[in-house]
Amino acid sequence: MGMIQEFKQFALRGNVVDMAVGVIIGGAFGKIVTSLVGDVLMPVIGILLGGVDFKNLAYTIEEATETAPAVLLRYGVFLSAVVDFLIISFSIFIAIKIANKIARIPIASTAVPK
């Protein structure tokens, strides 16, 4: 069997196609969550904390010089990433719980009694 035929057989198996769809949907979901956190949640939290802009929260390790930019620990961006992660992981947890619950529901027999 040729290399192209083997690859075609591998790529068209159901689990590979399902995984590819999952990766694409996951990437799109990640962008939605990132926008939710960065554009909706963090600004509201910032207002509640007295007008804090999380994008600009940073600790300066070394000041900028004429030849080099400042060295910063951007902990505000990190906090946003942590919130992103928590939302995504919780969403996946809920989706798996729902899928497991659906998988445990017995499927009714479609056989017609005689």
PDB file of N, CA and C in Angstrom:
ATOM      1  N   MET A   1       0.858  -1.178   0.000  1.00  0.00           N
ATOM      2  CA  MET A   1       0.000   0.000   0.000  1.00  0.00           C
ATOM      3  C   MET A   1       0.899   1.234   0.000  1.00  0.00           C
ATOM      4  N   GLY A   2       0.571   2.175  -0.849  1.00  0.00           N
ATOM      5  CA  GLY A   2       1.381   3.374  -0.962  1.00  0.00           C
ATOM      6  C   GLY A   2       1.218   4.306   0.239  1.00  0.00           C
ATOM      7  N   MET A   3       2.187   5.169   0.395  1.00  0.00           N
ATOM      8  CA  MET A   3       2.198   6.114   1.515  1.00  0.00           C
ATOM      9  C   MET A   3       0.961   7.011   1.487  1.00  0.00           C
ATOM     10  N   ILE A   4       0.568   7.484   0.324  1.00  0.00           N
ATOM     11  CA  ILE A   4      -0.595   8.370   0.214  1.00  0.00           C
ATOM     12  C   ILE A   4      -1.866   7.626   0.600  1.00  0.00           C
ATOM     13  N   GLN A   5      -2.001   6.374   0.153  1.00  0.00           N
ATOM     14  CA  GLN A   5      -3.171   5.569   0.512  1.00  0.00           C
ATOM     15  C   GLN A   5      -3.239   5.346   2.021  1.00  0.00           C
ATOM     16  N   GLU A   6      -2.083   5.049   2.639  1.00  0.00           N
ATOM     17  CA  GLU A   6      -2.055   4.831   4.085  1.00  0.00           C
ATOM     18  C   GLU A   6      -2.470   6.096   4.833  1.00  0.00           C
ATOM     19  N   PHE A   7      -1.935   7.236   4.379  1.00  0.00           N
ATOM     20  CA  PHE A   7      -2.282   8.495   5.037  1.00  0.00           C
ATOM     21  C   PHE A   7      -3.765   8.791   4.874  1.00  0.00           C
ATOM     22  N   LYS A   8      -4.291   8.571   3.681  1.00  0.00           N
ATOM     23  CA  LYS A   8      -5.711   8.812   3.427  1.00  0.00           C
ATOM     24  C   LYS A   8      -6.567   7.930   4.328  1.00  0.00           C
ATOM     25  N   GLN A   9      -6.191   6.664   4.459  1.00  0.00           N
ATOM     26  CA  GLN A   9      -6.930   5.742   5.313  1.00  0.00           C
ATOM     27  C   GLN A   9      -6.867   6.204   6.775  1.00  0.00           C
ATOM     28  N   PHE A  10      -5.691   6.658   7.215  1.00  0.00           N
ATOM     29  CA  PHE A  10      -5.517   7.149   8.581  1.00  0.00           C
ATOM     30  C   PHE A  10      -6.332   8.418   8.822  1.00  0.00           C
ATOM     31  N   ALA A  11      -6.231   9.374   7.906  1.00  0.00           N
ATOM     32  CA  ALA A  11      -6.858  10.683   8.092  1.00  0.00           C
ATOM     33  C   ALA A  11      -8.375  10.623   8.039  1.00  0.00           C
ATOM     34  N   LEU A  12      -8.914   9.659   7.310  1.00  0.00           N
ATOM     35  CA  LEU A  12     -10.360   9.596   7.162  1.00  0.00           C
ATOM     36  C   LEU A  12     -11.038   8.683   8.177  1.00  0.00           C
ATOM     37  N   ARG A  13     -10.269   8.115   9.091  1.00  0.00           N
ATOM     38  CA  ARG A  13     -10.891   7.353  10.174  1.00  0.00           C
ATOM     39  C   ARG A  13     -11.694   8.313  11.025  1.00  0.00           C
ATOM     40  N   GLY A  14     -12.778   7.846  11.563  1.00  0.00           N
ATOM     41  CA  GLY A  14     -13.685   8.700  12.322  1.00  0.00           C
ATOM     42  C   GLY A  14     -13.037   9.440  13.463  1.00  0.00           C
ATOM     43  N   ASN A  15     -12.188   8.772  14.253  1.00  0.00           N
ATOM     44  CA  ASN A  15     -11.639   9.436  15.423  1.00  0.00           C
ATOM     45  C   ASN A  15     -10.691  10.573  15.059  1.00  0.00           C
ATOM     46  N   VAL A  16      -9.974  10.485  13.950  1.00  0.00           N
ATOM     47  CA  VAL A  16      -9.081  11.562  13.535  1.00  0.00           C
ATOM     48  C   VAL A  16      -9.891  12.771  13.088  1.00  0.00           C
ATOM     49  N   VAL A  17     -10.937  12.544  12.319  1.00  0.00           N
ATOM     50  CA  VAL A  17     -11.790  13.641  11.865  1.00  0.00           C
ATOM     51  C   VAL A  17     -12.488  14.284  13.061  1.00  0.00           C
ATOM     52  N   ASP A  18     -12.986  13.468  13.988  1.00  0.00           N
ATOM     53  CA  ASP A  18     -13.626  14.003  15.194  1.00  0.00           C
ATOM     54  C   ASP A  18     -12.653  14.854  15.998  1.00  0.00           C
ATOM     55  N   MET A  19     -11.410  14.381  16.119  1.00  0.00           N
ATOM     56  CA  MET A  19     -10.413  15.130  16.857  1.00  0.00           C
ATOM     57  C   MET A  19     -10.124  16.468  16.172  1.00  0.00           C
ATOM     58  N   ALA A  20     -10.029  16.468  14.855  1.00  0.00           N
ATOM     59  CA  ALA A  20      -9.773  17.706  14.124  1.00  0.00           C
ATOM     60  C   ALA A  20     -10.902  18.709  14.340  1.00  0.00           C
ATOM     61  N   VAL A  21     -12.132  18.237  14.291  1.00  0.00           N
ATOM     62  CA  VAL A  21     -13.280  19.117  14.546  1.00  0.00           C
ATOM     63  C   VAL A  21     -13.209  19.660  15.968  1.00  0.00           C
ATOM     64  N   GLY A  22     -12.860  18.809  16.921  1.00  0.00           N
ATOM     65  CA  GLY A  22     -12.734  19.242  18.309  1.00  0.00           C
ATOM     66  C   GLY A  22     -11.668  20.307  18.489  1.00  0.00           C
ATOM     67  N   VAL A  23     -10.541  20.147  17.812  1.00  0.00           N
ATOM     68  CA  VAL A  23      -9.463  21.137  17.906  1.00  0.00           C
ATOM     69  C   VAL A  23      -9.914  22.474  17.331  1.00  0.00           C
ATOM     70  N   ILE A  24     -10.605  22.444  16.201  1.00  0.00           N
ATOM     71  CA  ILE A  24     -11.081  23.685  15.581  1.00  0.00           C
ATOM     72  C   ILE A  24     -12.095  24.382  16.479  1.00  0.00           C
ATOM     73  N   ILE A  25     -13.051  23.631  17.000  1.00  0.00           N
ATOM     74  CA  ILE A  25     -14.054  24.217  17.895  1.00  0.00           C
ATOM     75  C   ILE A  25     -13.385  24.722  19.169  1.00  0.00           C
ATOM     76  N   GLY A  26     -12.428  23.964  19.694  1.00  0.00           N
ATOM     77  CA  GLY A  26     -11.705  24.387  20.893  1.00  0.00           C
ATOM     78  C   GLY A  26     -10.950  25.685  20.680  1.00  0.00           C
ATOM     79  N   GLY A  27     -10.327  25.834  19.523  1.00  0.00           N
ATOM     80  CA  GLY A  27      -9.619  27.079  19.217  1.00  0.00           C
ATOM     81  C   GLY A  27     -10.561  28.265  19.154  1.00  0.00           C
ATOM     82  N   ALA A  28     -11.708  28.062  18.532  1.00  0.00           N
ATOM     83  CA  ALA A  28     -12.702  29.141  18.451  1.00  0.00           C
ATOM     84  C   ALA A  28     -13.255  29.465  19.834  1.00  0.00           C
ATOM     85  N   PHE A  29     -13.509  28.439  20.640  1.00  0.00           N
ATOM     86  CA  PHE A  29     -14.016  28.652  21.995  1.00  0.00           C
ATOM     87  C   PHE A  29     -12.991  29.400  22.832  1.00  0.00           C
ATOM     88  N   GLY A  30     -11.715  29.076  22.654  1.00  0.00           N
ATOM     89  CA  GLY A  30     -10.648  29.773  23.376  1.00  0.00           C
ATOM     90  C   GLY A  30     -10.633  31.258  23.061  1.00  0.00           C
ATOM     91  N   LYS A  31     -10.851  31.607  21.800  1.00  0.00           N
ATOM     92  CA  LYS A  31     -10.885  33.023  21.415  1.00  0.00           C
ATOM     93  C   LYS A  31     -12.070  33.733  22.057  1.00  0.00           C
ATOM     94  N   ILE A  32     -13.207  33.056  22.122  1.00  0.00           N
ATOM     95  CA  ILE A  32     -14.393  33.645  22.754  1.00  0.00           C
ATOM     96  C   ILE A  32     -14.136  33.879  24.234  1.00  0.00           C
ATOM     97  N   VAL A  33     -13.550  32.896  24.907  1.00  0.00           N
ATOM     98  CA  VAL A  33     -13.274  33.040  26.338  1.00  0.00           C
ATOM     99  C   VAL A  33     -12.243  34.138  26.576  1.00  0.00           C
ATOM    100  N   THR A  34     -11.211  34.214  25.740  1.00  0.00           N
ATOM    101  CA  THR A  34     -10.206  35.265  25.882  1.00  0.00           C
ATOM    102  C   THR A  34     -10.846  36.639  25.752  1.00  0.00           C
ATOM    103  N   SER A  35     -11.747  36.798  24.809  1.00  0.00           N
ATOM    104  CA  SER A  35     -12.456  38.065  24.657  1.00  0.00           C
ATOM    105  C   SER A  35     -13.356  38.335  25.855  1.00  0.00           C
ATOM    106  N   LEU A  36     -14.058  37.315  26.322  1.00  0.00           N
ATOM    107  CA  LEU A  36     -14.918  37.474  27.497  1.00  0.00           C
ATOM    108  C   LEU A  36     -14.108  37.963  28.692  1.00  0.00           C
ATOM    109  N   VAL A  37     -12.966  37.344  28.918  1.00  0.00           N
ATOM    110  CA  VAL A  37     -12.134  37.722  30.061  1.00  0.00           C
ATOM    111  C   VAL A  37     -11.534  39.108  29.862  1.00  0.00           C
ATOM    112  N   GLY A  38     -10.883  39.328  28.717  1.00  0.00           N
ATOM    113  CA  GLY A  38     -10.173  40.586  28.486  1.00  0.00           C
ATOM    114  C   GLY A  38     -11.063  41.783  28.243  1.00  0.00           C
ATOM    115  N   ASP A  39     -12.200  41.573  27.587  1.00  0.00           N
ATOM    116  CA  ASP A  39     -13.047  42.695  27.181  1.00  0.00           C
ATOM    117  C   ASP A  39     -14.274  42.902  28.056  1.00  0.00           C
ATOM    118  N   VAL A  40     -14.659  41.884  28.839  1.00  0.00           N
ATOM    119  CA  VAL A  40     -15.874  42.002  29.652  1.00  0.00           C
ATOM    120  C   VAL A  40     -15.570  41.873  31.146  1.00  0.00           C
ATOM    121  N   LEU A  41     -15.003  40.742  31.552  1.00  0.00           N
ATOM    122  CA  LEU A  41     -14.819  40.482  32.982  1.00  0.00           C
ATOM    123  C   LEU A  41     -13.747  41.355  33.632  1.00  0.00           C
ATOM    124  N   MET A  42     -12.545  41.380  33.062  1.00  0.00           N
ATOM    125  CA  MET A  42     -11.450  42.104  33.701  1.00  0.00           C
ATOM    126  C   MET A  42     -11.706  43.608  33.785  1.00  0.00           C
ATOM    127  N   PRO A  43     -12.298  44.252  32.777  1.00  0.00           N
ATOM    128  CA  PRO A  43     -12.618  45.672  32.950  1.00  0.00           C
ATOM    129  C   PRO A  43     -13.607  45.918  34.098  1.00  0.00           C
ATOM    130  N   VAL A  44     -14.605  45.044  34.239  1.00  0.00           N
ATOM    131  CA  VAL A  44     -15.568  45.195  35.338  1.00  0.00           C
ATOM    132  C   VAL A  44     -14.864  44.990  36.678  1.00  0.00           C
ATOM    133  N   ILE A  45     -14.033  43.951  36.766  1.00  0.00           N
ATOM    134  CA  ILE A  45     -13.276  43.720  38.000  1.00  0.00           C
ATOM    135  C   ILE A  45     -12.356  44.906  38.278  1.00  0.00           C
ATOM    136  N   GLY A  46     -11.745  45.444  37.234  1.00  0.00           N
ATOM    137  CA  GLY A  46     -10.881  46.614  37.388  1.00  0.00           C
ATOM    138  C   GLY A  46     -11.629  47.812  37.940  1.00  0.00           C
ATOM    139  N   ILE A  47     -12.842  48.041  37.450  1.00  0.00           N
ATOM    140  CA  ILE A  47     -13.663  49.152  37.960  1.00  0.00           C
ATOM    141  C   ILE A  47     -14.007  48.920  39.425  1.00  0.00           C
ATOM    142  N   LEU A  48     -14.379  47.685  39.764  1.00  0.00           N
ATOM    143  CA  LEU A  48     -14.708  47.361  41.153  1.00  0.00           C
ATOM    144  C   LEU A  48     -13.504  47.532  42.078  1.00  0.00           C
ATOM    145  N   LEU A  49     -12.300  47.386  41.538  1.00  0.00           N
ATOM    146  CA  LEU A  49     -11.080  47.550  42.332  1.00  0.00           C
ATOM    147  C   LEU A  49     -10.516  48.961  42.239  1.00  0.00           C
ATOM    148  N   GLY A  50     -11.315  49.899  41.789  1.00  0.00           N
ATOM    149  CA  GLY A  50     -10.881  51.296  41.765  1.00  0.00           C
ATOM    150  C   GLY A  50     -10.233  51.749  40.476  1.00  0.00           C
ATOM    151  N   GLY A  51     -10.646  51.197  39.367  1.00  0.00           N
ATOM    152  CA  GLY A  51     -10.147  51.652  38.065  1.00  0.00           C
ATOM    153  C   GLY A  51      -8.844  51.006  37.633  1.00  0.00           C
ATOM    154  N   VAL A  52      -8.562  49.811  38.092  1.00  0.00           N
ATOM    155  CA  VAL A  52      -7.335  49.101  37.728  1.00  0.00           C
ATOM    156  C   VAL A  52      -7.458  48.561  36.307  1.00  0.00           C
ATOM    157  N   ASP A  53      -6.426  48.796  35.492  1.00  0.00           N
ATOM    158  CA  ASP A  53      -6.368  48.223  34.144  1.00  0.00           C
ATOM    159  C   ASP A  53      -5.398  47.044  34.190  1.00  0.00           C
ATOM    160  N   PHE A  54      -5.920  45.838  34.115  1.00  0.00           N
ATOM    161  CA  PHE A  54      -5.093  44.652  34.281  1.00  0.00           C
ATOM    162  C   PHE A  54      -4.029  44.518  33.202  1.00  0.00           C
ATOM    163  N   LYS A  55      -4.275  45.056  32.010  1.00  0.00           N
ATOM    164  CA  LYS A  55      -3.287  44.967  30.937  1.00  0.00           C
ATOM    165  C   LYS A  55      -2.012  45.718  31.295  1.00  0.00           C
ATOM    166  N   ASN A  56      -2.144  46.745  32.135  1.00  0.00           N
ATOM    167  CA  ASN A  56      -0.990  47.571  32.481  1.00  0.00           C
ATOM    168  C   ASN A  56      -0.372  47.225  33.829  1.00  0.00           C
ATOM    169  N   LEU A  57      -0.906  46.241  34.537  1.00  0.00           N
ATOM    170  CA  LEU A  57      -0.327  45.861  35.823  1.00  0.00           C
ATOM    171  C   LEU A  57       0.985  45.124  35.582  1.00  0.00           C
ATOM    172  N   ALA A  58       2.060  45.691  36.093  1.00  0.00           N
ATOM    173  CA  ALA A  58       3.376  45.088  35.902  1.00  0.00           C
ATOM    174  C   ALA A  58       4.320  45.558  36.999  1.00  0.00           C
ATOM    175  N   TYR A  59       5.307  44.736  37.260  1.00  0.00           N
ATOM    176  CA  TYR A  59       6.364  45.091  38.195  1.00  0.00           C
ATOM    177  C   TYR A  59       7.622  45.302  37.372  1.00  0.00           C
ATOM    178  N   THR A  60       8.249  46.463  37.533  1.00  0.00           N
ATOM    179  CA  THR A  60       9.450  46.779  36.768  1.00  0.00           C
ATOM    180  C   THR A  60      10.661  46.161  37.449  1.00  0.00           C
ATOM    181  N   ILE A  61      11.303  45.249  36.761  1.00  0.00           N
ATOM    182  CA  ILE A  61      12.517  44.617  37.284  1.00  0.00           C
ATOM    183  C   ILE A  61      13.719  45.508  36.991  1.00  0.00           C
ATOM    184  N   GLU A  62      13.741  46.022  35.784  1.00  0.00           N
ATOM    185  CA  GLU A  62      14.844  46.885  35.373  1.00  0.00           C
ATOM    186  C   GLU A  62      14.286  47.998  34.499  1.00  0.00           C
ATOM    187  N   GLU A  63      14.642  49.220  34.822  1.00  0.00           N
ATOM    188  CA  GLU A  63      14.171  50.381  34.066  1.00  0.00           C
ATOM    189  C   GLU A  63      14.738  50.359  32.647  1.00  0.00           C
ATOM    190  N   ALA A  64      14.049  51.026  31.748  1.00  0.00           N
ATOM    191  CA  ALA A  64      14.508  51.127  30.367  1.00  0.00           C
ATOM    192  C   ALA A  64      15.761  51.996  30.300  1.00  0.00           C
ATOM    193  N   THR A  65      16.620  51.663  29.364  1.00  0.00           N
ATOM    194  CA  THR A  65      17.811  52.478  29.106  1.00  0.00           C
ATOM    195  C   THR A  65      17.730  52.962  27.669  1.00  0.00           C
ATOM    196  N   GLU A  66      18.748  53.688  27.259  1.00  0.00           N
ATOM    197  CA  GLU A  66      18.760  54.175  25.875  1.00  0.00           C
ATOM    198  C   GLU A  66      18.861  53.028  24.876  1.00  0.00           C
ATOM    199  N   THR A  67      19.462  51.932  25.301  1.00  0.00           N
ATOM    200  CA  THR A  67      19.695  50.823  24.370  1.00  0.00           C
ATOM    201  C   THR A  67      18.779  49.625  24.587  1.00  0.00           C
ATOM    202  N   ALA A  68      18.054  49.602  25.712  1.00  0.00           N
ATOM    203  CA  ALA A  68      17.220  48.427  25.995  1.00  0.00           C
ATOM    204  C   ALA A  68      15.894  48.854  26.621  1.00  0.00           C
ATOM    205  N   PRO A  69      14.818  48.143  26.276  1.00  0.00           N
ATOM    206  CA  PRO A  69      13.525  48.456  26.903  1.00  0.00           C
ATOM    207  C   PRO A  69      13.506  47.977  28.360  1.00  0.00           C
ATOM    208  N   ALA A  70      12.511  48.421  29.096  1.00  0.00           N
ATOM    209  CA  ALA A  70      12.364  48.004  30.490  1.00  0.00           C
ATOM    210  C   ALA A  70      12.068  46.510  30.561  1.00  0.00           C
ATOM    211  N   VAL A  71      12.509  45.894  31.643  1.00  0.00           N
ATOM    212  CA  VAL A  71      12.211  44.483  31.889  1.00  0.00           C
ATOM    213  C   VAL A  71      11.063  44.452  32.887  1.00  0.00           C
ATOM    214  N   LEU A  72       9.929  43.878  32.468  1.00  0.00           N
ATOM    215  CA  LEU A  72       8.716  43.902  33.281  1.00  0.00           C
ATOM    216  C   LEU A  72       8.205  42.501  33.580  1.00  0.00           C
ATOM    217  N   LEU A  73       7.637  42.344  34.766  1.00  0.00           N
ATOM    218  CA  LEU A  73       6.835  41.162  35.088  1.00  0.00           C
ATOM    219  C   LEU A  73       5.389  41.601  34.934  1.00  0.00           C
ATOM    220  N   ARG A  74       4.747  41.185  33.864  1.00  0.00           N
ATOM    221  CA  ARG A  74       3.390  41.644  33.562  1.00  0.00           C
ATOM    222  C   ARG A  74       2.374  40.722  34.221  1.00  0.00           C
ATOM    223  N   TYR A  75       2.197  40.896  35.513  1.00  0.00           N
ATOM    224  CA  TYR A  75       1.313  40.008  36.263  1.00  0.00           C
ATOM    225  C   TYR A  75      -0.159  40.248  35.961  1.00  0.00           C
ATOM    226  N   GLY A  76      -0.536  41.390  35.455  1.00  0.00           N
ATOM    227  CA  GLY A  76      -1.927  41.631  35.071  1.00  0.00           C
ATOM    228  C   GLY A  76      -2.346  40.753  33.900  1.00  0.00           C
ATOM    229  N   VAL A  77      -1.471  40.641  32.914  1.00  0.00           N
ATOM    230  CA  VAL A  77      -1.734  39.771  31.762  1.00  0.00           C
ATOM    231  C   VAL A  77      -1.787  38.316  32.226  1.00  0.00           C
ATOM    232  N   PHE A  78      -0.903  37.963  33.167  1.00  0.00           N
ATOM    233  CA  PHE A  78      -0.900  36.608  33.717  1.00  0.00           C
ATOM    234  C   PHE A  78      -2.214  36.310  34.435  1.00  0.00           C
ATOM    235  N   LEU A  79      -2.710  37.259  35.232  1.00  0.00           N
ATOM    236  CA  LEU A  79      -3.988  37.062  35.926  1.00  0.00           C
ATOM    237  C   LEU A  79      -5.125  36.839  34.927  1.00  0.00           C
ATOM    238  N   SER A  80      -5.111  37.584  33.834  1.00  0.00           N
ATOM    239  CA  SER A  80      -6.125  37.389  32.790  1.00  0.00           C
ATOM    240  C   SER A  80      -6.029  35.984  32.198  1.00  0.00           C
ATOM    241  N   ALA A  81      -4.800  35.507  31.982  1.00  0.00           N
ATOM    242  CA  ALA A  81      -4.611  34.153  31.442  1.00  0.00           C
ATOM    243  C   ALA A  81      -5.101  33.097  32.430  1.00  0.00           C
ATOM    244  N   VAL A  82      -4.903  33.335  33.728  1.00  0.00           N
ATOM    245  CA  VAL A  82      -5.386  32.395  34.743  1.00  0.00           C
ATOM    246  C   VAL A  82      -6.911  32.335  34.718  1.00  0.00           C
ATOM    247  N   VAL A  83      -7.561  33.495  34.615  1.00  0.00           N
ATOM    248  CA  VAL A  83      -9.029  33.523  34.543  1.00  0.00           C
ATOM    249  C   VAL A  83      -9.495  32.805  33.278  1.00  0.00           C
ATOM    250  N   ASP A  84      -8.810  33.032  32.155  1.00  0.00           N
ATOM    251  CA  ASP A  84      -9.088  32.304  30.903  1.00  0.00           C
ATOM    252  C   ASP A  84      -9.069  30.799  31.152  1.00  0.00           C
ATOM    253  N   PHE A  85      -7.979  30.339  31.739  1.00  0.00           N
ATOM    254  CA  PHE A  85      -7.799  28.913  31.996  1.00  0.00           C
ATOM    255  C   PHE A  85      -8.915  28.362  32.875  1.00  0.00           C
ATOM    256  N   LEU A  86      -9.253  29.084  33.931  1.00  0.00           N
ATOM    257  CA  LEU A  86     -10.290  28.609  34.846  1.00  0.00           C
ATOM    258  C   LEU A  86     -11.639  28.480  34.147  1.00  0.00           C
ATOM    259  N   ILE A  87     -11.981  29.460  33.316  1.00  0.00           N
ATOM    260  CA  ILE A  87     -13.259  29.405  32.595  1.00  0.00           C
ATOM    261  C   ILE A  87     -13.262  28.243  31.605  1.00  0.00           C
ATOM    262  N   ILE A  88     -12.181  28.086  30.844  1.00  0.00           N
ATOM    263  CA  ILE A  88     -12.117  27.006  29.856  1.00  0.00           C
ATOM    264  C   ILE A  88     -12.142  25.643  30.545  1.00  0.00           C
ATOM    265  N   SER A  89     -11.346  25.478  31.600  1.00  0.00           N
ATOM    266  CA  SER A  89     -11.311  24.172  32.264  1.00  0.00           C
ATOM    267  C   SER A  89     -12.645  23.849  32.929  1.00  0.00           C
ATOM    268  N   PHE A  90     -13.314  24.847  33.501  1.00  0.00           N
ATOM    269  CA  PHE A  90     -14.627  24.604  34.096  1.00  0.00           C
ATOM    270  C   PHE A  90     -15.647  24.241  33.017  1.00  0.00           C
ATOM    271  N   SER A  91     -15.579  24.913  31.874  1.00  0.00           N
ATOM    272  CA  SER A  91     -16.493  24.607  30.768  1.00  0.00           C
ATOM    273  C   SER A  91     -16.288  23.181  30.266  1.00  0.00           C
ATOM    274  N   ILE A  92     -15.034  22.766  30.142  1.00  0.00           N
ATOM    275  CA  ILE A  92     -14.742  21.399  29.708  1.00  0.00           C
ATOM    276  C   ILE A  92     -15.249  20.401  30.742  1.00  0.00           C
ATOM    277  N   PHE A  93     -15.050  20.703  32.021  1.00  0.00           N
ATOM    278  CA  PHE A  93     -15.534  19.843  33.101  1.00  0.00           C
ATOM    279  C   PHE A  93     -17.043  19.649  32.993  1.00  0.00           C
ATOM    280  N   ILE A  94     -17.785  20.747  32.804  1.00  0.00           N
ATOM    281  CA  ILE A  94     -19.247  20.673  32.684  1.00  0.00           C
ATOM    282  C   ILE A  94     -19.637  19.872  31.441  1.00  0.00           C
ATOM    283  N   ALA A  95     -18.961  20.117  30.318  1.00  0.00           N
ATOM    284  CA  ALA A  95     -19.277  19.391  29.081  1.00  0.00           C
ATOM    285  C   ALA A  95     -19.052  17.891  29.256  1.00  0.00           C
ATOM    286  N   ILE A  96     -17.975  17.511  29.931  1.00  0.00           N
ATOM    287  CA  ILE A  96     -17.695  16.091  30.152  1.00  0.00           C
ATOM    288  C   ILE A  96     -18.732  15.476  31.083  1.00  0.00           C
ATOM    289  N   LYS A  97     -19.129  16.203  32.125  1.00  0.00           N
ATOM    290  CA  LYS A  97     -20.170  15.693  33.030  1.00  0.00           C
ATOM    291  C   LYS A  97     -21.474  15.457  32.271  1.00  0.00           C
ATOM    292  N   ILE A  98     -21.844  16.393  31.403  1.00  0.00           N
ATOM    293  CA  ILE A  98     -23.070  16.244  30.611  1.00  0.00           C
ATOM    294  C   ILE A  98     -22.944  15.052  29.664  1.00  0.00           C
ATOM    295  N   ALA A  99     -21.795  14.934  28.987  1.00  0.00           N
ATOM    296  CA  ALA A  99     -21.588  13.819  28.057  1.00  0.00           C
ATOM    297  C   ALA A  99     -21.641  12.482  28.788  1.00  0.00           C
ATOM    298  N   ASN A 100     -21.039  12.412  29.967  1.00  0.00           N
ATOM    299  CA  ASN A 100     -21.080  11.169  30.744  1.00  0.00           C
ATOM    300  C   ASN A 100     -22.496  10.840  31.196  1.00  0.00           C
ATOM    301  N   LYS A 101     -23.256  11.854  31.565  1.00  0.00           N
ATOM    302  CA  LYS A 101     -24.642  11.633  31.991  1.00  0.00           C
ATOM    303  C   LYS A 101     -25.475  11.108  30.818  1.00  0.00           C
ATOM    304  N   ILE A 102     -25.283  11.699  29.641  1.00  0.00           N
ATOM    305  CA  ILE A 102     -26.007  11.258  28.446  1.00  0.00           C
ATOM    306  C   ILE A 102     -25.609   9.828  28.086  1.00  0.00           C
ATOM    307  N   ALA A 103     -24.326   9.501  28.233  1.00  0.00           N
ATOM    308  CA  ALA A 103     -23.853   8.155  27.889  1.00  0.00           C
ATOM    309  C   ALA A 103     -24.452   7.098  28.807  1.00  0.00           C
ATOM    310  N   ARG A 104     -24.815   7.453  30.036  1.00  0.00           N
ATOM    311  CA  ARG A 104     -25.388   6.491  30.977  1.00  0.00           C
ATOM    312  C   ARG A 104     -26.879   6.270  30.775  1.00  0.00           C
ATOM    313  N   ILE A 105     -27.544   7.131  30.003  1.00  0.00           N
ATOM    314  CA  ILE A 105     -28.981   6.975  29.765  1.00  0.00           C
ATOM    315  C   ILE A 105     -29.186   5.780  28.837  1.00  0.00           C
ATOM    316  N   PRO A 106     -29.973   4.783  29.269  1.00  0.00           N
ATOM    317  CA  PRO A 106     -30.187   3.616  28.402  1.00  0.00           C
ATOM    318  C   PRO A 106     -30.991   4.004  27.159  1.00  0.00           C
ATOM    319  N   ILE A 107     -30.584   3.433  26.055  1.00  0.00           N
ATOM    320  CA  ILE A 107     -31.268   3.691  24.790  1.00  0.00           C
ATOM    321  C   ILE A 107     -32.428   2.707  24.673  1.00  0.00           C
ATOM    322  N   ALA A 108     -33.615   3.221  24.404  1.00  0.00           N
ATOM    323  CA  ALA A 108     -34.807   2.375  24.284  1.00  0.00           C
ATOM    324  C   ALA A 108     -34.678   1.480  23.060  1.00  0.00           C
ATOM    325  N   SER A 109     -35.164   0.284  23.188  1.00  0.00           N
ATOM    326  CA  SER A 109     -35.128  -0.666  22.087  1.00  0.00           C
ATOM    327  C   SER A 109     -36.110  -0.229  21.009  1.00  0.00           C
ATOM    328  N   THR A 110     -35.665  -0.326  19.774  1.00  0.00           N
ATOM    329  CA  THR A 110     -36.539   0.042  18.654  1.00  0.00           C
ATOM    330  C   THR A 110     -37.181  -1.181  18.013  1.00  0.00           C
ATOM    331  N   ALA A 111     -36.978  -2.343  18.613  1.00  0.00           N
ATOM    332  CA  ALA A 111     -37.551  -3.574  18.058  1.00  0.00           C
ATOM    333  C   ALA A 111     -39.070  -3.562  18.240  1.00  0.00           C
ATOM    334  N   VAL A 112     -39.763  -3.991  17.213  1.00  0.00           N
ATOM    335  CA  VAL A 112     -41.224  -4.048  17.249  1.00  0.00           C
ATOM    336  C   VAL A 112     -41.632  -5.419  17.767  1.00  0.00           C
ATOM    337  N   PRO A 113     -42.440  -5.463  18.844  1.00  0.00           N
ATOM    338  CA  PRO A 113     -42.862  -6.772  19.368  1.00  0.00           C
ATOM    339  C   PRO A 113     -43.776  -7.480  18.372  1.00  0.00           C
ATOM    340  N   LYS A 114     -43.717  -8.820  18.359  1.00  0.00           N
ATOM    341  CA  LYS A 114     -44.528  -9.615  17.422  1.00  0.00           C
ATOM    342  C   LYS A 114     -45.807 -10.037  18.047  1.00  0.00           C
TER     343      LYS A 114
END
